[in-house]
Every structure is written in structure tokens, then in C-alpha cells.
Amino acid sequence: MGKFTKGKQSVKNLLLLSSVTLALHISGNAYAGTAPEIKPNINKTSSLKKMVSKKCLDNLIISDDGDMSLRSGCNFSFSELYTHDQFFRDRVIEAFKASPFDGRFFDIESLAEITEPPGDNDDGWSVFLETVSREKGITAQAFAVPNFNELTMIIRDNGVGNGKCRYGIYGNTQERNESFSLASLYILNYKGAFQDCELLTKVPNLSGYDGLAGQ
């Protein structure tokens, strides 16, 4: 009888331990965001590195104002790259999982913008992509330097519904990374969009960006 009671107690303790472990797992992921869904797309050649390849850069469209744009065969949207470019998709998924934001409802995309690197470093061409969720009031900007395998994302909740603006910076966030420099420059250039907006991530040299425009 004593052995049977002891056995029951062991099973009970094991179940209790399992439930505690499960609770900790759930609580640890309670604030994890959700990455965008993968949408089928026929353009399977979508690639960040193709966008900054010699073939594409040799055929840039340059306006009278000096603005540069890629031709249709070289210019891919956020969703096209997310569907077919493994590097881009992995980095976007990592960013959303590290955030509290939901990326399943993005429905507005802008064409990619391409920027020539300063100096003579032809490898430093950068690509800027943006997508927006009208329903959730969330925006995601991706700053990529494909030839350096760098990507930094800003994901922002404008506070639709709760009035609380929050944003985070994810991916390559070291000061010397070109993609992070582009992301921080974007914040400085569009201060109004980040006014009274809480910075969720602890990024080195970026503590002053919390509610930046309100300072």
C-alpha cells in the first residue's frame, strides 16, 4: 500500500512539474509577435541580392531629380521577397518573434527604394522596403544591405484602438552596421512619426530615441 501511494505521489509530482513547465513556456511567449503569412507568388526569382546585382544596377531608372528606381524585372515587393528570399524571410520572422506585434494583416506595400553607397564601395547598395496594416495600424520598415547580409527592421504600432504608440528595432542593431545606420537615420528624418512613441527594445546608443520628437 505504501509503495502504491508513493507511486501515485510521484506521478502527481511529475504532472505538476509538467504543468508548471508548460505555464512557464506559455508565459515566456505571451508577448511574442506573429510573423506575416507566406503568400504564394509566381515570381520565384525575387531576391535582395538580385536587386543590387550589376545587371539590375546597370539598368537603373534615374529621374531628372536624381532619384533612382529599379526596373520591373528587378524591383520586388516586401511580400515577394518574404515568399521567395530565404534570408529576407528568416530575418523578418526573427524580428516579429522578438516583438509583440502581429504581422498577419499587412495589406499595403510601397515599391522598394534603392540607395547608392557613399564613396567607392559598390557592395554597399541598400534596399528600403515598407509594408503597412490598415486594420492594425502597424508599419514595418526593412533596411537591407544584401551584399553585407545585413537587415534591420523597425516595427511600429501607431496605437490604433488603444492610443499607445510603441515601436521596436530588430535585427542588425550594432552601431557599425550599415543597415542599422539607415534605420536610425530614418527615425531622425521622420521624428514626427515617433513622437511620444515608446521604444520597446534596448538598443546600444539608441536610448534617446524613446519618444524622440517629444524631447
N, C-alpha and C. Protein backbone atom coordinates (compact mmCIF):
# COMPACT_ATOMS: atom_id res chain seq x y z
N MET A 1 0.84 -1.21 0.00
CA MET A 1 0.00 0.00 0.00
C MET A 1 0.87 1.25 0.00
N GLY A 2 1.96 1.20 0.79
CA GLY A 2 2.85 2.34 0.88
C GLY A 2 3.52 2.62 -0.46
N LYS A 3 3.90 1.52 -1.17
CA LYS A 3 4.55 1.69 -2.47
C LYS A 3 3.58 2.30 -3.48
N PHE A 4 2.31 1.87 -3.43
CA PHE A 4 1.30 2.37 -4.36
C PHE A 4 1.06 3.86 -4.15
N THR A 5 0.99 4.27 -2.86
CA THR A 5 0.79 5.69 -2.54
C THR A 5 1.98 6.51 -3.00
N LYS A 6 3.16 5.96 -2.80
CA LYS A 6 4.37 6.65 -3.22
C LYS A 6 4.40 6.82 -4.74
N GLY A 7 3.96 5.75 -5.46
CA GLY A 7 3.91 5.81 -6.91
C GLY A 7 2.93 6.86 -7.39
N LYS A 8 1.77 6.93 -6.75
CA LYS A 8 0.77 7.93 -7.12
C LYS A 8 1.31 9.34 -6.89
N GLN A 9 2.02 9.51 -5.78
CA GLN A 9 2.59 10.82 -5.47
C GLN A 9 3.63 11.23 -6.51
N SER A 10 4.43 10.24 -6.99
CA SER A 10 5.45 10.53 -7.99
C SER A 10 4.81 10.98 -9.29
N VAL A 11 3.72 10.29 -9.68
CA VAL A 11 3.01 10.66 -10.90
C VAL A 11 2.42 12.05 -10.76
N LYS A 12 1.86 12.32 -9.56
CA LYS A 12 1.26 13.64 -9.29
C LYS A 12 2.30 14.74 -9.39
N ASN A 13 3.49 14.47 -8.81
CA ASN A 13 4.57 15.46 -8.88
C ASN A 13 5.03 15.69 -10.31
N LEU A 14 5.08 14.59 -11.09
CA LEU A 14 5.50 14.70 -12.49
C LEU A 14 4.52 15.55 -13.29
N LEU A 15 3.20 15.30 -13.05
CA LEU A 15 2.17 16.08 -13.75
C LEU A 15 2.23 17.55 -13.35
N LEU A 16 2.47 17.79 -12.04
CA LEU A 16 2.57 19.16 -11.56
C LEU A 16 3.75 19.88 -12.19
N LEU A 17 4.90 19.16 -12.29
CA LEU A 17 6.09 19.74 -12.90
C LEU A 17 5.84 20.06 -14.37
N SER A 18 5.14 19.14 -15.05
CA SER A 18 4.84 19.35 -16.47
C SER A 18 3.96 20.57 -16.68
N SER A 19 2.96 20.72 -15.79
CA SER A 19 2.05 21.86 -15.92
C SER A 19 2.76 23.17 -15.64
N VAL A 20 3.69 23.17 -14.68
CA VAL A 20 4.47 24.37 -14.37
C VAL A 20 5.36 24.73 -15.56
N THR A 21 6.00 23.71 -16.15
CA THR A 21 6.87 23.93 -17.31
C THR A 21 6.08 24.51 -18.48
N LEU A 22 4.88 23.96 -18.70
CA LEU A 22 4.02 24.45 -19.77
C LEU A 22 3.60 25.90 -19.52
N ALA A 23 3.26 26.20 -18.27
CA ALA A 23 2.85 27.57 -17.91
C ALA A 23 3.98 28.55 -18.13
N LEU A 24 5.20 28.13 -17.77
CA LEU A 24 6.35 29.00 -17.97
C LEU A 24 6.61 29.22 -19.45
N HIS A 25 6.43 28.14 -20.23
CA HIS A 25 6.63 28.25 -21.68
C HIS A 25 5.62 29.22 -22.29
N ILE A 26 4.36 29.10 -21.87
CA ILE A 26 3.32 29.98 -22.40
C ILE A 26 3.56 31.42 -21.99
N SER A 27 3.89 31.63 -20.70
CA SER A 27 4.12 32.99 -20.23
C SER A 27 5.34 33.60 -20.88
N GLY A 28 6.35 32.78 -21.17
CA GLY A 28 7.56 33.28 -21.81
C GLY A 28 7.33 33.72 -23.23
N ASN A 29 6.27 33.17 -23.86
CA ASN A 29 5.97 33.52 -25.24
C ASN A 29 4.72 34.38 -25.35
N ALA A 30 4.22 34.86 -24.23
CA ALA A 30 2.98 35.63 -24.25
C ALA A 30 3.11 36.91 -25.05
N TYR A 31 4.29 37.47 -25.10
CA TYR A 31 4.48 38.73 -25.79
C TYR A 31 5.17 38.56 -27.14
N ALA A 32 5.35 37.31 -27.57
CA ALA A 32 5.99 37.07 -28.86
C ALA A 32 5.03 37.44 -29.98
N GLY A 33 5.56 38.14 -30.97
CA GLY A 33 4.73 38.55 -32.10
C GLY A 33 4.50 37.42 -33.08
N THR A 34 3.74 37.72 -34.12
CA THR A 34 3.42 36.75 -35.15
C THR A 34 3.94 37.25 -36.48
N ALA A 35 4.70 36.42 -37.16
CA ALA A 35 5.28 36.82 -38.44
C ALA A 35 4.20 36.87 -39.53
N PRO A 36 4.44 37.63 -40.59
CA PRO A 36 3.48 37.65 -41.71
C PRO A 36 3.29 36.25 -42.29
N GLU A 37 2.14 36.04 -42.89
CA GLU A 37 1.88 34.76 -43.55
C GLU A 37 2.57 34.73 -44.90
N ILE A 38 2.95 33.55 -45.33
CA ILE A 38 3.58 33.40 -46.64
C ILE A 38 2.48 33.29 -47.69
N LYS A 39 2.52 34.19 -48.66
CA LYS A 39 1.51 34.20 -49.72
C LYS A 39 2.13 33.70 -51.02
N PRO A 40 1.48 32.75 -51.68
CA PRO A 40 2.03 32.24 -52.95
C PRO A 40 2.25 33.37 -53.96
N ASN A 41 3.35 33.27 -54.70
CA ASN A 41 3.68 34.31 -55.67
C ASN A 41 4.41 33.65 -56.83
N ILE A 42 4.05 34.03 -58.04
CA ILE A 42 4.62 33.35 -59.21
C ILE A 42 6.05 33.78 -59.49
N ASN A 43 6.46 34.95 -59.00
CA ASN A 43 7.80 35.44 -59.30
C ASN A 43 8.82 34.80 -58.36
N LYS A 44 9.32 33.65 -58.73
CA LYS A 44 10.21 32.91 -57.86
C LYS A 44 11.67 33.35 -57.95
N THR A 45 11.93 34.39 -58.74
CA THR A 45 13.30 34.89 -58.86
C THR A 45 13.53 36.06 -57.90
N SER A 46 12.54 36.37 -57.04
CA SER A 46 12.66 37.50 -56.13
C SER A 46 13.87 37.32 -55.22
N SER A 47 14.72 38.32 -55.17
CA SER A 47 15.94 38.22 -54.37
C SER A 47 16.49 39.60 -54.08
N LEU A 48 16.86 39.84 -52.82
CA LEU A 48 17.51 41.09 -52.45
C LEU A 48 18.82 41.27 -53.20
N LYS A 49 19.58 40.18 -53.32
CA LYS A 49 20.88 40.29 -53.98
C LYS A 49 20.73 40.54 -55.48
N LYS A 50 19.63 40.04 -56.05
CA LYS A 50 19.40 40.34 -57.47
C LYS A 50 19.14 41.83 -57.65
N MET A 51 18.46 42.45 -56.67
CA MET A 51 18.14 43.88 -56.76
C MET A 51 19.39 44.74 -56.82
N VAL A 52 20.47 44.27 -56.19
CA VAL A 52 21.71 45.06 -56.19
C VAL A 52 22.79 44.40 -57.05
N SER A 53 22.36 43.54 -57.97
CA SER A 53 23.31 42.91 -58.88
C SER A 53 23.72 43.89 -59.96
N LYS A 54 24.84 43.62 -60.62
CA LYS A 54 25.33 44.51 -61.68
C LYS A 54 24.31 44.63 -62.80
N LYS A 55 23.65 43.51 -63.10
CA LYS A 55 22.67 43.51 -64.18
C LYS A 55 21.54 44.50 -63.90
N CYS A 56 21.08 44.56 -62.65
CA CYS A 56 19.99 45.47 -62.30
C CYS A 56 20.48 46.90 -62.15
N LEU A 57 21.64 47.07 -61.53
CA LEU A 57 22.15 48.42 -61.30
C LEU A 57 22.54 49.12 -62.61
N ASP A 58 22.93 48.32 -63.60
CA ASP A 58 23.28 48.91 -64.90
C ASP A 58 22.05 49.43 -65.64
N ASN A 59 20.87 49.04 -65.16
CA ASN A 59 19.63 49.45 -65.83
C ASN A 59 18.74 50.29 -64.92
N LEU A 60 19.36 51.02 -64.01
CA LEU A 60 18.59 51.89 -63.12
C LEU A 60 17.87 52.99 -63.90
N ILE A 61 16.71 53.35 -63.41
CA ILE A 61 15.99 54.49 -63.97
C ILE A 61 16.32 55.69 -63.09
N ILE A 62 16.92 56.73 -63.68
CA ILE A 62 17.29 57.92 -62.92
C ILE A 62 16.45 59.10 -63.41
N SER A 63 15.70 59.69 -62.50
CA SER A 63 14.81 60.80 -62.86
C SER A 63 15.60 62.10 -62.98
N ASP A 64 14.93 63.15 -63.44
CA ASP A 64 15.57 64.46 -63.55
C ASP A 64 16.00 65.00 -62.19
N ASP A 65 15.32 64.55 -61.13
CA ASP A 65 15.66 64.98 -59.76
C ASP A 65 16.80 64.16 -59.16
N GLY A 66 17.24 63.16 -59.91
CA GLY A 66 18.32 62.33 -59.41
C GLY A 66 17.85 61.11 -58.63
N ASP A 67 16.52 60.93 -58.51
CA ASP A 67 16.01 59.76 -57.80
C ASP A 67 16.23 58.50 -58.65
N MET A 68 16.58 57.41 -57.97
CA MET A 68 16.85 56.15 -58.67
C MET A 68 15.77 55.14 -58.38
N SER A 69 15.38 54.40 -59.42
CA SER A 69 14.41 53.33 -59.23
C SER A 69 14.81 52.14 -60.09
N LEU A 70 14.37 50.97 -59.65
CA LEU A 70 14.70 49.74 -60.38
C LEU A 70 13.62 49.42 -61.41
N ARG A 71 14.02 48.82 -62.49
CA ARG A 71 13.06 48.41 -63.49
C ARG A 71 12.24 47.22 -62.97
N SER A 72 11.13 46.96 -63.61
CA SER A 72 10.16 45.98 -63.10
C SER A 72 10.76 44.59 -62.88
N GLY A 73 11.69 44.18 -63.71
CA GLY A 73 12.28 42.86 -63.55
C GLY A 73 13.23 42.75 -62.38
N CYS A 74 13.54 43.88 -61.75
CA CYS A 74 14.49 43.90 -60.63
C CYS A 74 13.87 44.40 -59.33
N ASN A 75 12.69 44.95 -59.40
CA ASN A 75 12.08 45.58 -58.23
C ASN A 75 11.02 44.67 -57.62
N PHE A 76 11.27 44.20 -56.40
CA PHE A 76 10.36 43.25 -55.75
C PHE A 76 9.75 43.87 -54.51
N SER A 77 8.55 43.48 -54.22
CA SER A 77 7.84 43.99 -53.05
C SER A 77 8.24 43.23 -51.80
N PHE A 78 7.80 43.73 -50.66
CA PHE A 78 8.04 43.08 -49.38
C PHE A 78 7.52 41.65 -49.41
N SER A 79 6.29 41.45 -49.89
CA SER A 79 5.68 40.12 -49.87
C SER A 79 6.36 39.17 -50.85
N GLU A 80 6.82 39.68 -52.01
CA GLU A 80 7.53 38.84 -52.96
C GLU A 80 8.83 38.32 -52.35
N LEU A 81 9.56 39.21 -51.72
CA LEU A 81 10.82 38.80 -51.09
C LEU A 81 10.56 37.86 -49.92
N TYR A 82 9.53 38.15 -49.16
CA TYR A 82 9.19 37.31 -48.00
C TYR A 82 8.83 35.89 -48.45
N THR A 83 8.23 35.77 -49.62
CA THR A 83 7.83 34.47 -50.13
C THR A 83 9.01 33.68 -50.66
N HIS A 84 9.95 34.35 -51.34
CA HIS A 84 10.97 33.61 -52.09
C HIS A 84 12.41 33.82 -51.66
N ASP A 85 12.70 34.85 -50.88
CA ASP A 85 14.09 35.09 -50.46
C ASP A 85 14.25 34.57 -49.03
N GLN A 86 15.00 33.48 -48.89
CA GLN A 86 15.11 32.81 -47.59
C GLN A 86 15.75 33.71 -46.54
N PHE A 87 16.80 34.44 -46.93
CA PHE A 87 17.48 35.34 -45.99
C PHE A 87 16.50 36.40 -45.47
N PHE A 88 15.77 37.03 -46.38
CA PHE A 88 14.83 38.07 -46.00
C PHE A 88 13.73 37.50 -45.10
N ARG A 89 13.18 36.36 -45.48
CA ARG A 89 12.10 35.76 -44.68
C ARG A 89 12.58 35.40 -43.27
N ASP A 90 13.75 34.79 -43.18
CA ASP A 90 14.27 34.40 -41.86
C ASP A 90 14.45 35.61 -40.96
N ARG A 91 14.98 36.70 -41.50
CA ARG A 91 15.22 37.90 -40.69
C ARG A 91 13.90 38.55 -40.27
N VAL A 92 12.92 38.58 -41.16
CA VAL A 92 11.62 39.16 -40.83
C VAL A 92 10.93 38.33 -39.75
N ILE A 93 10.99 37.02 -39.88
CA ILE A 93 10.38 36.13 -38.87
C ILE A 93 11.04 36.35 -37.51
N GLU A 94 12.37 36.43 -37.49
CA GLU A 94 13.10 36.67 -36.23
C GLU A 94 12.67 38.00 -35.60
N ALA A 95 12.52 39.02 -36.43
CA ALA A 95 12.14 40.35 -35.92
C ALA A 95 10.76 40.31 -35.29
N PHE A 96 9.81 39.69 -35.96
CA PHE A 96 8.45 39.65 -35.41
C PHE A 96 8.36 38.78 -34.16
N LYS A 97 9.09 37.69 -34.12
CA LYS A 97 9.07 36.83 -32.94
C LYS A 97 9.69 37.53 -31.73
N ALA A 98 10.62 38.44 -31.99
CA ALA A 98 11.26 39.19 -30.89
C ALA A 98 10.42 40.39 -30.47
N SER A 99 9.32 40.62 -31.18
CA SER A 99 8.46 41.78 -30.90
C SER A 99 7.10 41.32 -30.38
N PRO A 100 6.27 42.25 -29.92
CA PRO A 100 4.90 41.90 -29.52
C PRO A 100 3.89 42.15 -30.64
N PHE A 101 4.36 42.33 -31.87
CA PHE A 101 3.49 42.78 -32.95
C PHE A 101 2.99 41.63 -33.83
N ASP A 102 1.84 41.85 -34.44
CA ASP A 102 1.20 40.84 -35.28
C ASP A 102 1.34 41.26 -36.75
N GLY A 103 2.06 40.46 -37.52
CA GLY A 103 2.31 40.81 -38.91
C GLY A 103 1.41 40.12 -39.91
N ARG A 104 0.31 39.54 -39.45
CA ARG A 104 -0.53 38.75 -40.36
C ARG A 104 -1.49 39.60 -41.19
N PHE A 105 -1.57 40.89 -40.94
CA PHE A 105 -2.61 41.68 -41.58
C PHE A 105 -2.06 42.78 -42.50
N PHE A 106 -0.80 42.66 -42.92
CA PHE A 106 -0.24 43.68 -43.79
C PHE A 106 -0.89 43.63 -45.17
N ASP A 107 -1.30 44.80 -45.65
CA ASP A 107 -2.03 44.82 -46.91
C ASP A 107 -1.65 45.98 -47.83
N ILE A 108 -0.75 46.85 -47.41
CA ILE A 108 -0.29 47.96 -48.27
C ILE A 108 1.23 47.89 -48.37
N GLU A 109 1.73 47.92 -49.60
CA GLU A 109 3.17 47.88 -49.80
C GLU A 109 3.60 49.03 -50.70
N SER A 110 4.77 49.54 -50.44
CA SER A 110 5.34 50.54 -51.34
C SER A 110 6.47 49.87 -52.13
N LEU A 111 6.77 50.43 -53.28
CA LEU A 111 7.87 49.89 -54.07
C LEU A 111 9.18 50.05 -53.32
N ALA A 112 10.08 49.12 -53.54
CA ALA A 112 11.39 49.19 -52.88
C ALA A 112 12.15 50.42 -53.35
N GLU A 113 12.88 51.03 -52.42
CA GLU A 113 13.76 52.15 -52.75
C GLU A 113 15.20 51.68 -52.64
N ILE A 114 16.01 52.11 -53.56
CA ILE A 114 17.41 51.68 -53.57
C ILE A 114 18.31 52.90 -53.42
N THR A 115 19.38 52.73 -52.64
CA THR A 115 20.27 53.86 -52.34
C THR A 115 21.72 53.49 -52.64
N GLU A 116 22.39 54.38 -53.34
CA GLU A 116 23.80 54.18 -53.69
C GLU A 116 24.65 54.37 -52.45
N PRO A 117 25.67 53.54 -52.25
CA PRO A 117 26.53 53.69 -51.07
C PRO A 117 27.42 54.92 -51.19
N PRO A 118 27.79 55.51 -50.07
CA PRO A 118 28.73 56.63 -50.12
C PRO A 118 30.12 56.13 -50.50
N GLY A 119 30.89 56.97 -51.14
CA GLY A 119 32.25 56.57 -51.50
C GLY A 119 32.28 55.63 -52.69
N ASP A 120 33.30 54.79 -52.71
CA ASP A 120 33.52 53.90 -53.85
C ASP A 120 33.18 52.45 -53.55
N ASN A 121 32.48 52.19 -52.47
CA ASN A 121 32.18 50.81 -52.09
C ASN A 121 30.92 50.33 -52.82
N ASP A 122 31.11 49.67 -53.95
CA ASP A 122 29.98 49.24 -54.76
C ASP A 122 29.16 48.13 -54.10
N ASP A 123 29.71 47.49 -53.08
CA ASP A 123 28.97 46.42 -52.40
C ASP A 123 27.93 46.95 -51.42
N GLY A 124 27.99 48.25 -51.11
CA GLY A 124 27.16 48.79 -50.04
C GLY A 124 25.79 49.30 -50.47
N TRP A 125 25.31 48.93 -51.66
CA TRP A 125 23.98 49.35 -52.08
C TRP A 125 22.94 48.85 -51.08
N SER A 126 21.97 49.70 -50.77
CA SER A 126 20.97 49.34 -49.78
C SER A 126 19.57 49.36 -50.38
N VAL A 127 18.67 48.59 -49.77
CA VAL A 127 17.29 48.48 -50.22
C VAL A 127 16.37 48.79 -49.05
N PHE A 128 15.38 49.64 -49.29
CA PHE A 128 14.40 50.00 -48.27
C PHE A 128 13.03 49.48 -48.71
N LEU A 129 12.36 48.75 -47.80
CA LEU A 129 11.04 48.21 -48.09
C LEU A 129 10.10 48.54 -46.94
N GLU A 130 8.83 48.75 -47.27
CA GLU A 130 7.86 49.10 -46.24
C GLU A 130 6.54 48.38 -46.51
N THR A 131 5.89 47.96 -45.43
CA THR A 131 4.55 47.38 -45.54
C THR A 131 3.72 47.86 -44.35
N VAL A 132 2.41 47.95 -44.57
CA VAL A 132 1.51 48.56 -43.58
C VAL A 132 0.27 47.69 -43.39
N SER A 133 -0.22 47.66 -42.16
CA SER A 133 -1.51 47.02 -41.87
C SER A 133 -2.52 48.10 -41.54
N ARG A 134 -3.48 48.31 -42.45
CA ARG A 134 -4.52 49.31 -42.18
C ARG A 134 -5.36 48.91 -40.97
N GLU A 135 -5.65 47.62 -40.87
CA GLU A 135 -6.52 47.15 -39.79
C GLU A 135 -5.89 47.33 -38.42
N LYS A 136 -4.61 47.02 -38.32
CA LYS A 136 -3.94 47.04 -37.02
C LYS A 136 -3.19 48.34 -36.75
N GLY A 137 -3.00 49.17 -37.78
CA GLY A 137 -2.24 50.40 -37.59
C GLY A 137 -0.77 50.14 -37.32
N ILE A 138 -0.23 49.08 -37.92
CA ILE A 138 1.16 48.69 -37.72
C ILE A 138 1.93 48.90 -39.02
N THR A 139 3.14 49.42 -38.90
CA THR A 139 4.02 49.57 -40.06
C THR A 139 5.32 48.81 -39.80
N ALA A 140 5.89 48.29 -40.87
CA ALA A 140 7.19 47.62 -40.77
C ALA A 140 8.09 48.12 -41.87
N GLN A 141 9.25 48.62 -41.49
CA GLN A 141 10.24 49.07 -42.46
C GLN A 141 11.47 48.16 -42.38
N ALA A 142 11.93 47.73 -43.53
CA ALA A 142 13.12 46.87 -43.58
C ALA A 142 14.24 47.62 -44.31
N PHE A 143 15.41 47.67 -43.68
CA PHE A 143 16.59 48.32 -44.25
C PHE A 143 17.62 47.21 -44.48
N ALA A 144 17.86 46.90 -45.75
CA ALA A 144 18.73 45.77 -46.07
C ALA A 144 19.95 46.22 -46.86
N VAL A 145 21.08 45.61 -46.53
CA VAL A 145 22.29 45.78 -47.32
C VAL A 145 22.68 44.36 -47.75
N PRO A 146 22.13 43.92 -48.88
CA PRO A 146 22.22 42.49 -49.26
C PRO A 146 23.63 41.93 -49.36
N ASN A 147 24.55 42.69 -49.93
CA ASN A 147 25.90 42.15 -50.12
C ASN A 147 26.66 42.01 -48.80
N PHE A 148 26.20 42.65 -47.75
CA PHE A 148 26.80 42.50 -46.42
C PHE A 148 25.96 41.58 -45.53
N ASN A 149 24.87 41.03 -46.08
CA ASN A 149 23.96 40.18 -45.31
C ASN A 149 23.47 40.88 -44.05
N GLU A 150 23.09 42.13 -44.20
CA GLU A 150 22.58 42.92 -43.06
C GLU A 150 21.12 43.27 -43.29
N LEU A 151 20.36 43.23 -42.21
CA LEU A 151 18.97 43.68 -42.28
C LEU A 151 18.52 44.16 -40.90
N THR A 152 18.01 45.37 -40.85
CA THR A 152 17.48 45.94 -39.62
C THR A 152 16.02 46.33 -39.88
N MET A 153 15.15 46.03 -38.92
CA MET A 153 13.74 46.35 -39.08
C MET A 153 13.25 47.28 -37.99
N ILE A 154 12.36 48.19 -38.37
CA ILE A 154 11.60 48.99 -37.42
C ILE A 154 10.16 48.54 -37.54
N ILE A 155 9.58 48.08 -36.44
CA ILE A 155 8.16 47.70 -36.44
C ILE A 155 7.46 48.62 -35.45
N ARG A 156 6.40 49.29 -35.91
CA ARG A 156 5.74 50.29 -35.08
C ARG A 156 4.23 50.08 -35.05
N ASP A 157 3.69 50.13 -33.84
CA ASP A 157 2.24 50.12 -33.63
C ASP A 157 1.83 51.56 -33.36
N ASN A 158 1.03 52.13 -34.24
CA ASN A 158 0.66 53.54 -34.11
C ASN A 158 -0.34 53.81 -33.00
N GLY A 159 -0.83 52.76 -32.36
CA GLY A 159 -1.74 52.95 -31.24
C GLY A 159 -3.20 53.01 -31.63
N VAL A 160 -3.55 52.47 -32.78
CA VAL A 160 -4.95 52.45 -33.20
C VAL A 160 -5.74 51.57 -32.23
N GLY A 161 -6.77 52.13 -31.65
CA GLY A 161 -7.60 51.36 -30.72
C GLY A 161 -7.24 51.56 -29.27
N ASN A 162 -5.94 51.63 -28.98
CA ASN A 162 -5.55 51.81 -27.57
C ASN A 162 -4.81 53.12 -27.32
N GLY A 163 -4.48 53.83 -28.38
CA GLY A 163 -3.85 55.14 -28.25
C GLY A 163 -2.43 55.12 -27.74
N LYS A 164 -1.82 53.95 -27.67
CA LYS A 164 -0.46 53.83 -27.14
C LYS A 164 0.50 53.47 -28.28
N CYS A 165 1.34 54.40 -28.66
CA CYS A 165 2.31 54.16 -29.74
C CYS A 165 3.53 53.43 -29.18
N ARG A 166 3.94 52.37 -29.87
CA ARG A 166 5.11 51.59 -29.45
C ARG A 166 5.89 51.18 -30.70
N TYR A 167 7.21 51.09 -30.57
CA TYR A 167 7.99 50.58 -31.69
C TYR A 167 9.25 49.88 -31.18
N GLY A 168 9.78 49.04 -32.04
CA GLY A 168 11.00 48.32 -31.70
C GLY A 168 11.92 48.25 -32.90
N ILE A 169 13.21 48.07 -32.63
CA ILE A 169 14.22 47.95 -33.68
C ILE A 169 14.85 46.57 -33.54
N TYR A 170 14.85 45.81 -34.63
CA TYR A 170 15.23 44.40 -34.56
C TYR A 170 16.20 44.04 -35.68
N GLY A 171 16.97 42.98 -35.45
CA GLY A 171 17.91 42.50 -36.46
C GLY A 171 19.32 42.98 -36.17
N ASN A 172 20.00 43.50 -37.18
CA ASN A 172 21.36 44.02 -37.00
C ASN A 172 21.28 45.40 -36.36
N THR A 173 21.62 45.48 -35.09
CA THR A 173 21.48 46.74 -34.35
C THR A 173 22.81 47.22 -33.77
N GLN A 174 23.91 46.72 -34.32
CA GLN A 174 25.21 47.21 -33.88
C GLN A 174 25.54 48.51 -34.59
N GLU A 175 26.21 49.40 -33.90
CA GLU A 175 26.45 50.75 -34.41
C GLU A 175 27.18 50.77 -35.76
N ARG A 176 28.07 49.81 -35.98
CA ARG A 176 28.87 49.83 -37.20
C ARG A 176 28.15 49.21 -38.40
N ASN A 177 26.99 48.62 -38.18
CA ASN A 177 26.27 48.02 -39.30
C ASN A 177 25.60 49.09 -40.15
N GLU A 178 25.74 48.95 -41.45
CA GLU A 178 25.17 49.92 -42.36
C GLU A 178 23.64 49.93 -42.29
N SER A 179 23.04 48.76 -42.16
CA SER A 179 21.57 48.70 -42.12
C SER A 179 21.02 49.39 -40.87
N PHE A 180 21.72 49.27 -39.75
CA PHE A 180 21.28 49.95 -38.53
C PHE A 180 21.44 51.47 -38.67
N SER A 181 22.51 51.89 -39.34
CA SER A 181 22.70 53.32 -39.57
C SER A 181 21.55 53.90 -40.39
N LEU A 182 21.10 53.14 -41.38
CA LEU A 182 19.98 53.58 -42.20
C LEU A 182 18.69 53.66 -41.39
N ALA A 183 18.49 52.67 -40.51
CA ALA A 183 17.28 52.67 -39.68
C ALA A 183 17.27 53.84 -38.72
N SER A 184 18.39 54.12 -38.07
CA SER A 184 18.45 55.22 -37.12
C SER A 184 18.32 56.56 -37.83
N LEU A 185 18.86 56.66 -39.05
CA LEU A 185 18.72 57.89 -39.83
C LEU A 185 17.25 58.10 -40.22
N TYR A 186 16.57 57.03 -40.51
CA TYR A 186 15.14 57.11 -40.85
C TYR A 186 14.35 57.69 -39.68
N ILE A 187 14.65 57.23 -38.47
CA ILE A 187 13.96 57.72 -37.28
C ILE A 187 14.21 59.22 -37.10
N LEU A 188 15.45 59.63 -37.32
CA LEU A 188 15.78 61.05 -37.19
C LEU A 188 15.07 61.90 -38.24
N ASN A 189 14.96 61.36 -39.46
CA ASN A 189 14.34 62.10 -40.55
C ASN A 189 12.81 62.19 -40.42
N TYR A 190 12.21 61.23 -39.72
CA TYR A 190 10.75 61.20 -39.58
C TYR A 190 10.36 61.24 -38.10
N LYS A 191 10.91 62.21 -37.40
CA LYS A 191 10.68 62.32 -35.96
C LYS A 191 9.20 62.34 -35.60
N GLY A 192 8.42 63.03 -36.43
CA GLY A 192 7.00 63.17 -36.12
C GLY A 192 6.28 61.85 -35.98
N ALA A 193 6.69 60.85 -36.75
CA ALA A 193 6.04 59.53 -36.69
C ALA A 193 6.35 58.81 -35.39
N PHE A 194 7.39 59.24 -34.69
CA PHE A 194 7.80 58.56 -33.46
C PHE A 194 7.54 59.43 -32.22
N GLN A 195 6.80 60.50 -32.40
CA GLN A 195 6.52 61.40 -31.28
C GLN A 195 5.75 60.67 -30.18
N ASP A 196 6.25 60.79 -28.96
CA ASP A 196 5.63 60.15 -27.80
C ASP A 196 5.45 58.64 -28.00
N CYS A 197 6.32 58.04 -28.76
CA CYS A 197 6.23 56.62 -29.06
C CYS A 197 7.26 55.87 -28.20
N GLU A 198 6.81 54.88 -27.47
CA GLU A 198 7.67 54.13 -26.55
C GLU A 198 8.58 53.18 -27.32
N LEU A 199 9.89 53.26 -27.05
CA LEU A 199 10.85 52.34 -27.65
C LEU A 199 10.90 51.08 -26.81
N LEU A 200 10.59 49.93 -27.41
CA LEU A 200 10.49 48.68 -26.67
C LEU A 200 11.82 47.95 -26.56
N THR A 201 12.71 48.18 -27.49
CA THR A 201 13.97 47.43 -27.50
C THR A 201 15.10 48.23 -26.86
N LYS A 202 15.98 47.52 -26.19
CA LYS A 202 17.16 48.14 -25.60
C LYS A 202 18.31 48.04 -26.60
N VAL A 203 18.46 49.07 -27.39
CA VAL A 203 19.47 49.08 -28.44
C VAL A 203 20.62 49.97 -28.02
N PRO A 204 21.87 49.50 -28.10
CA PRO A 204 23.01 50.33 -27.73
C PRO A 204 23.01 51.65 -28.50
N ASN A 205 23.31 52.73 -27.81
CA ASN A 205 23.40 54.07 -28.39
C ASN A 205 22.07 54.57 -28.95
N LEU A 206 20.97 54.00 -28.48
CA LEU A 206 19.68 54.40 -29.02
C LEU A 206 18.68 54.74 -27.90
N SER A 207 19.16 54.87 -26.68
CA SER A 207 18.24 55.12 -25.56
C SER A 207 17.50 56.44 -25.73
N GLY A 208 18.10 57.41 -26.40
CA GLY A 208 17.47 58.70 -26.57
C GLY A 208 16.39 58.73 -27.62
N TYR A 209 16.08 57.60 -28.22
CA TYR A 209 15.07 57.55 -29.28
C TYR A 209 13.68 57.25 -28.72
N ASP A 210 13.54 57.14 -27.42
CA ASP A 210 12.25 56.87 -26.81
C ASP A 210 11.44 58.16 -26.76
N GLY A 211 10.40 58.25 -27.57
CA GLY A 211 9.61 59.48 -27.66
C GLY A 211 10.44 60.63 -28.18
N LEU A 212 11.28 60.33 -29.15
CA LEU A 212 12.32 61.26 -29.61
C LEU A 212 11.79 62.65 -29.94
N ALA A 213 10.70 62.70 -30.72
CA ALA A 213 10.24 64.00 -31.20
C ALA A 213 9.65 64.87 -30.09
N GLY A 214 9.28 64.24 -28.98
CA GLY A 214 8.68 64.99 -27.88
C GLY A 214 9.72 65.62 -26.96
N GLN A 215 10.99 65.37 -27.23
CA GLN A 215 12.04 65.89 -26.34
C GLN A 215 12.42 67.31 -26.70
